[in-house]
């Protein structure tokens, strides 16, 4: 019985992650999942790997998942899974590698203020990323780091 309970909890956790991503397999085929990720408040829309060696990171993830890298700038590469951009890799020398998830929010300023009221520390205040939007990096009261972002509306 305990085993069934563990399986049930795991299944619920996986389903929750799929729903939080803003796109589920039951989504109609004409739905643009990327658009949902970048426009839906509260969903994980982007992931970014910060690493000291971008070439090793690209090599690893290409071999592991088959992701296709696209060099955007000298120290930034995006990854595609099939045709959808899913993540970015940024090189910062002397930096211990880590993944940074981005949650889409409707209003970056209100979200950062609310996070502060709830006890979060602001590591990077709302900052403009050209042609993308405004983002901030916060640390929740337990110490977990996450980014929030309001994307520029594109027609």
C-alpha atoms as a PDB file:
ATOM      1  CA  UNK A   1       0.000   0.000   0.000  1.00  0.00           C
ATOM      2  CA  UNK A   2       2.885   2.387   0.791  1.00  0.00           C
ATOM      3  CA  UNK A   3       4.363   1.672  -2.653  1.00  0.00           C
ATOM      4  CA  UNK A   4       1.092   2.663  -4.335  1.00  0.00           C
ATOM      5  CA  UNK A   5       1.041   5.871  -2.311  1.00  0.00           C
ATOM      6  CA  UNK A   6       4.596   6.725  -3.482  1.00  0.00           C
ATOM      7  CA  UNK A   7       3.675   6.029  -7.103  1.00  0.00           C
ATOM      8  CA  UNK A   8       0.539   8.155  -6.771  1.00  0.00           C
ATOM      9  CA  UNK A   9       2.527  11.053  -5.249  1.00  0.00           C
ATOM     10  CA  UNK A  10       5.138  10.793  -8.007  1.00  0.00           C
ATOM     11  CA  UNK A  11       2.455  10.786 -10.713  1.00  0.00           C
ATOM     12  CA  UNK A  12       0.772  13.830  -9.170  1.00  0.00           C
ATOM     13  CA  UNK A  13       4.127  15.638  -8.990  1.00  0.00           C
ATOM     14  CA  UNK A  14       4.892  14.903 -12.650  1.00  0.00           C
ATOM     15  CA  UNK A  15       1.404  15.970 -13.749  1.00  0.00           C
ATOM     16  CA  UNK A  16       1.732  19.177 -11.725  1.00  0.00           C
ATOM     17  CA  UNK A  17       5.018  19.999 -13.465  1.00  0.00           C
ATOM     18  CA  UNK A  18       3.461  19.388 -16.865  1.00  0.00           C
ATOM     19  CA  UNK A  19       0.525  21.653 -16.008  1.00  0.00           C
ATOM     20  CA  UNK A  20       2.824  24.342 -14.566  1.00  0.00           C
ATOM     21  CA  UNK A  21       4.784  24.338 -17.798  1.00  0.00           C
ATOM     22  CA  UNK A  22       1.688  25.804 -19.445  1.00  0.00           C
ATOM     23  CA  UNK A  23       1.373  23.128 -22.096  1.00  0.00           C
ATOM     24  CA  UNK A  24      -0.057  19.667 -21.675  1.00  0.00           C
ATOM     25  CA  UNK A  25      -0.232  16.835 -24.167  1.00  0.00           C
ATOM     26  CA  UNK A  26      -4.018  17.256 -24.303  1.00  0.00           C
ATOM     27  CA  UNK A  27      -3.515  20.766 -25.706  1.00  0.00           C
ATOM     28  CA  UNK A  28      -5.060  21.069 -29.185  1.00  0.00           C
ATOM     29  CA  UNK A  29      -2.447  20.780 -31.971  1.00  0.00           C
ATOM     30  CA  UNK A  30      -3.067  24.331 -33.212  1.00  0.00           C
ATOM     31  CA  UNK A  31      -2.051  25.728 -29.784  1.00  0.00           C
ATOM     32  CA  UNK A  32       1.361  27.380 -29.741  1.00  0.00           C
ATOM     33  CA  UNK A  33       2.950  25.996 -26.564  1.00  0.00           C
ATOM     34  CA  UNK A  34       5.808  28.501 -26.644  1.00  0.00           C
ATOM     35  CA  UNK A  35       3.308  31.351 -26.799  1.00  0.00           C
ATOM     36  CA  UNK A  36       1.513  29.936 -23.754  1.00  0.00           C
ATOM     37  CA  UNK A  37       4.799  29.691 -21.819  1.00  0.00           C
ATOM     38  CA  UNK A  38       5.714  33.300 -22.552  1.00  0.00           C
ATOM     39  CA  UNK A  39       2.279  34.812 -21.929  1.00  0.00           C
ATOM     40  CA  UNK A  40       0.741  32.821 -19.068  1.00  0.00           C
ATOM     41  CA  UNK A  41       1.229  34.236 -15.587  1.00  0.00           C
ATOM     42  CA  UNK A  42       2.822  31.789 -13.168  1.00  0.00           C
ATOM     43  CA  UNK A  43       4.188  29.178 -15.581  1.00  0.00           C
ATOM     44  CA  UNK A  44       7.787  28.153 -16.100  1.00  0.00           C
ATOM     45  CA  UNK A  45       8.596  29.739 -19.449  1.00  0.00           C
ATOM     46  CA  UNK A  46      12.367  29.458 -19.789  1.00  0.00           C
ATOM     47  CA  UNK A  47      15.417  27.808 -18.268  1.00  0.00           C
ATOM     48  CA  UNK A  48      18.944  29.104 -18.352  1.00  0.00           C
ATOM     49  CA  UNK A  49      22.180  27.300 -17.623  1.00  0.00           C
ATOM     50  CA  UNK A  50      24.937  29.492 -16.237  1.00  0.00           C
ATOM     51  CA  UNK A  51      28.274  27.758 -16.748  1.00  0.00           C
ATOM     52  CA  UNK A  52      31.993  28.435 -16.862  1.00  0.00           C
ATOM     53  CA  UNK A  53      32.466  26.319 -20.017  1.00  0.00           C
ATOM     54  CA  UNK A  54      29.773  26.784 -22.642  1.00  0.00           C
ATOM     55  CA  UNK A  55      31.365  24.356 -25.113  1.00  0.00           C
ATOM     56  CA  UNK A  56      31.382  21.460 -22.614  1.00  0.00           C
ATOM     57  CA  UNK A  57      27.800  22.249 -21.648  1.00  0.00           C
ATOM     58  CA  UNK A  58      26.643  22.316 -25.281  1.00  0.00           C
ATOM     59  CA  UNK A  59      28.435  19.030 -25.988  1.00  0.00           C
ATOM     60  CA  UNK A  60      26.845  17.343 -22.963  1.00  0.00           C
ATOM     61  CA  UNK A  61      23.233  18.417 -23.621  1.00  0.00           C
ATOM     62  CA  UNK A  62      23.412  17.788 -27.357  1.00  0.00           C
ATOM     63  CA  UNK A  63      24.597  14.232 -26.669  1.00  0.00           C
ATOM     64  CA  UNK A  64      22.213  13.649 -23.753  1.00  0.00           C
ATOM     65  CA  UNK A  65      18.947  15.036 -25.171  1.00  0.00           C
ATOM     66  CA  UNK A  66      19.652  15.766 -28.819  1.00  0.00           C
ATOM     67  CA  UNK A  67      19.048  19.473 -28.301  1.00  0.00           C
ATOM     68  CA  UNK A  68      20.109  21.714 -31.177  1.00  0.00           C
ATOM     69  CA  UNK A  69      22.286  24.673 -30.127  1.00  0.00           C
ATOM     70  CA  UNK A  70      22.029  28.070 -31.809  1.00  0.00           C
ATOM     71  CA  UNK A  71      24.693  30.645 -31.030  1.00  0.00           C
ATOM     72  CA  UNK A  72      22.954  33.912 -30.203  1.00  0.00           C
ATOM     73  CA  UNK A  73      25.955  35.910 -28.973  1.00  0.00           C
ATOM     74  CA  UNK A  74      29.572  35.127 -28.148  1.00  0.00           C
ATOM     75  CA  UNK A  75      28.709  33.979 -24.637  1.00  0.00           C
ATOM     76  CA  UNK A  76      25.068  32.921 -25.114  1.00  0.00           C
ATOM     77  CA  UNK A  77      23.564  29.935 -26.897  1.00  0.00           C
ATOM     78  CA  UNK A  78      19.946  28.809 -27.038  1.00  0.00           C
ATOM     79  CA  UNK A  79      18.803  25.204 -27.259  1.00  0.00           C
ATOM     80  CA  UNK A  80      15.940  23.887 -29.345  1.00  0.00           C
ATOM     81  CA  UNK A  81      14.092  20.642 -28.795  1.00  0.00           C
ATOM     82  CA  UNK A  82      12.743  19.866 -32.232  1.00  0.00           C
ATOM     83  CA  UNK A  83      11.600  23.333 -33.405  1.00  0.00           C
ATOM     84  CA  UNK A  84      10.898  24.918 -30.029  1.00  0.00           C
ATOM     85  CA  UNK A  85      13.441  27.035 -28.154  1.00  0.00           C
ATOM     86  CA  UNK A  86      13.516  25.648 -24.630  1.00  0.00           C
ATOM     87  CA  UNK A  87      16.600  26.933 -22.829  1.00  0.00           C
ATOM     88  CA  UNK A  88      19.645  29.127 -22.948  1.00  0.00           C
ATOM     89  CA  UNK A  89      23.263  28.714 -21.897  1.00  0.00           C
ATOM     90  CA  UNK A  90      25.257  31.679 -20.641  1.00  0.00           C
ATOM     91  CA  UNK A  91      28.984  31.577 -20.028  1.00  0.00           C
ATOM     92  CA  UNK A  92      30.385  33.176 -16.886  1.00  0.00           C
ATOM     93  CA  UNK A  93      33.982  32.286 -16.101  1.00  0.00           C
ATOM     94  CA  UNK A  94      34.795  31.228 -12.536  1.00  0.00           C
ATOM     95  CA  UNK A  95      31.113  30.475 -11.919  1.00  0.00           C
ATOM     96  CA  UNK A  96      29.890  27.213 -10.436  1.00  0.00           C
ATOM     97  CA  UNK A  97      27.340  25.926 -12.997  1.00  0.00           C
ATOM     98  CA  UNK A  98      23.640  26.042 -12.137  1.00  0.00           C
ATOM     99  CA  UNK A  99      20.238  26.051 -13.837  1.00  0.00           C
ATOM    100  CA  UNK A 100      18.003  29.093 -13.362  1.00  0.00           C
ATOM    101  CA  UNK A 101      14.293  28.638 -14.119  1.00  0.00           C
ATOM    102  CA  UNK A 102      12.234  31.656 -15.229  1.00  0.00           C
ATOM    103  CA  UNK A 103       8.577  32.046 -14.291  1.00  0.00           C
ATOM    104  CA  UNK A 104       6.449  34.250 -16.557  1.00  0.00           C
ATOM    105  CA  UNK A 105       4.603  37.024 -14.715  1.00  0.00           C
ATOM    106  CA  UNK A 106       2.180  39.706 -15.883  1.00  0.00           C
ATOM    107  CA  UNK A 107       3.837  42.560 -13.990  1.00  0.00           C
ATOM    108  CA  UNK A 108       7.480  42.301 -12.959  1.00  0.00           C
ATOM    109  CA  UNK A 109       7.368  45.266 -10.566  1.00  0.00           C
ATOM    110  CA  UNK A 110       4.292  44.061  -8.676  1.00  0.00           C
ATOM    111  CA  UNK A 111       5.691  40.530  -8.499  1.00  0.00           C
ATOM    112  CA  UNK A 112       9.023  41.690  -7.060  1.00  0.00           C
ATOM    113  CA  UNK A 113       7.250  43.905  -4.512  1.00  0.00           C
ATOM    114  CA  UNK A 114       4.988  41.055  -3.453  1.00  0.00           C
ATOM    115  CA  UNK A 115       7.988  38.693  -3.200  1.00  0.00           C
ATOM    116  CA  UNK A 116       9.740  41.191  -0.905  1.00  0.00           C
ATOM    117  CA  UNK A 117       6.616  41.489   1.271  1.00  0.00           C
ATOM    118  CA  UNK A 118       6.601  37.697   1.547  1.00  0.00           C
ATOM    119  CA  UNK A 119      10.208  37.648   2.745  1.00  0.00           C
ATOM    120  CA  UNK A 120      12.170  37.158  -0.483  1.00  0.00           C
ATOM    121  CA  UNK A 121      15.509  38.821  -1.130  1.00  0.00           C
ATOM    122  CA  UNK A 122      15.973  40.562  -4.467  1.00  0.00           C
ATOM    123  CA  UNK A 123      19.270  39.406  -5.982  1.00  0.00           C
ATOM    124  CA  UNK A 124      18.787  41.246  -9.291  1.00  0.00           C
ATOM    125  CA  UNK A 125      16.207  44.036  -9.388  1.00  0.00           C
ATOM    126  CA  UNK A 126      13.895  44.355 -12.415  1.00  0.00           C
ATOM    127  CA  UNK A 127      16.255  44.680 -15.365  1.00  0.00           C
ATOM    128  CA  UNK A 128      15.590  45.267 -19.057  1.00  0.00           C
ATOM    129  CA  UNK A 129      16.769  42.554 -21.462  1.00  0.00           C
ATOM    130  CA  UNK A 130      16.745  44.052 -24.977  1.00  0.00           C
ATOM    131  CA  UNK A 131      14.035  42.631 -27.260  1.00  0.00           C
ATOM    132  CA  UNK A 132      12.932  40.179 -24.539  1.00  0.00           C
ATOM    133  CA  UNK A 133      11.379  41.984 -21.578  1.00  0.00           C
ATOM    134  CA  UNK A 134      12.165  42.712 -17.941  1.00  0.00           C
ATOM    135  CA  UNK A 135      13.385  40.132 -15.448  1.00  0.00           C
ATOM    136  CA  UNK A 136      14.434  39.919 -11.815  1.00  0.00           C
ATOM    137  CA  UNK A 137      16.129  37.238  -9.745  1.00  0.00           C
ATOM    138  CA  UNK A 138      14.869  36.557  -6.252  1.00  0.00           C
ATOM    139  CA  UNK A 139      15.735  34.240  -3.393  1.00  0.00           C
ATOM    140  CA  UNK A 140      12.730  32.891  -1.522  1.00  0.00           C
ATOM    141  CA  UNK A 141      12.634  32.849   2.300  1.00  0.00           C
ATOM    142  CA  UNK A 142      14.023  29.286   2.316  1.00  0.00           C
ATOM    143  CA  UNK A 143      16.972  30.260   0.096  1.00  0.00           C
ATOM    144  CA  UNK A 144      15.854  28.888  -3.299  1.00  0.00           C
ATOM    145  CA  UNK A 145      16.703  31.134  -6.254  1.00  0.00           C
ATOM    146  CA  UNK A 146      14.312  31.741  -9.148  1.00  0.00           C
ATOM    147  CA  UNK A 147      13.915  34.318 -11.895  1.00  0.00           C
ATOM    148  CA  UNK A 148      10.678  36.077 -12.830  1.00  0.00           C
ATOM    149  CA  UNK A 149      10.120  37.733 -16.176  1.00  0.00           C
ATOM    150  CA  UNK A 150       7.583  39.842 -18.037  1.00  0.00           C
ATOM    151  CA  UNK A 151       8.070  39.382 -21.762  1.00  0.00           C
ATOM    152  CA  UNK A 152       7.540  42.061 -24.374  1.00  0.00           C
ATOM    153  CA  UNK A 153       4.234  41.402 -26.107  1.00  0.00           C
ATOM    154  CA  UNK A 154       4.900  40.425 -29.722  1.00  0.00           C
ATOM    155  CA  UNK A 155       2.191  40.257 -32.347  1.00  0.00           C
END
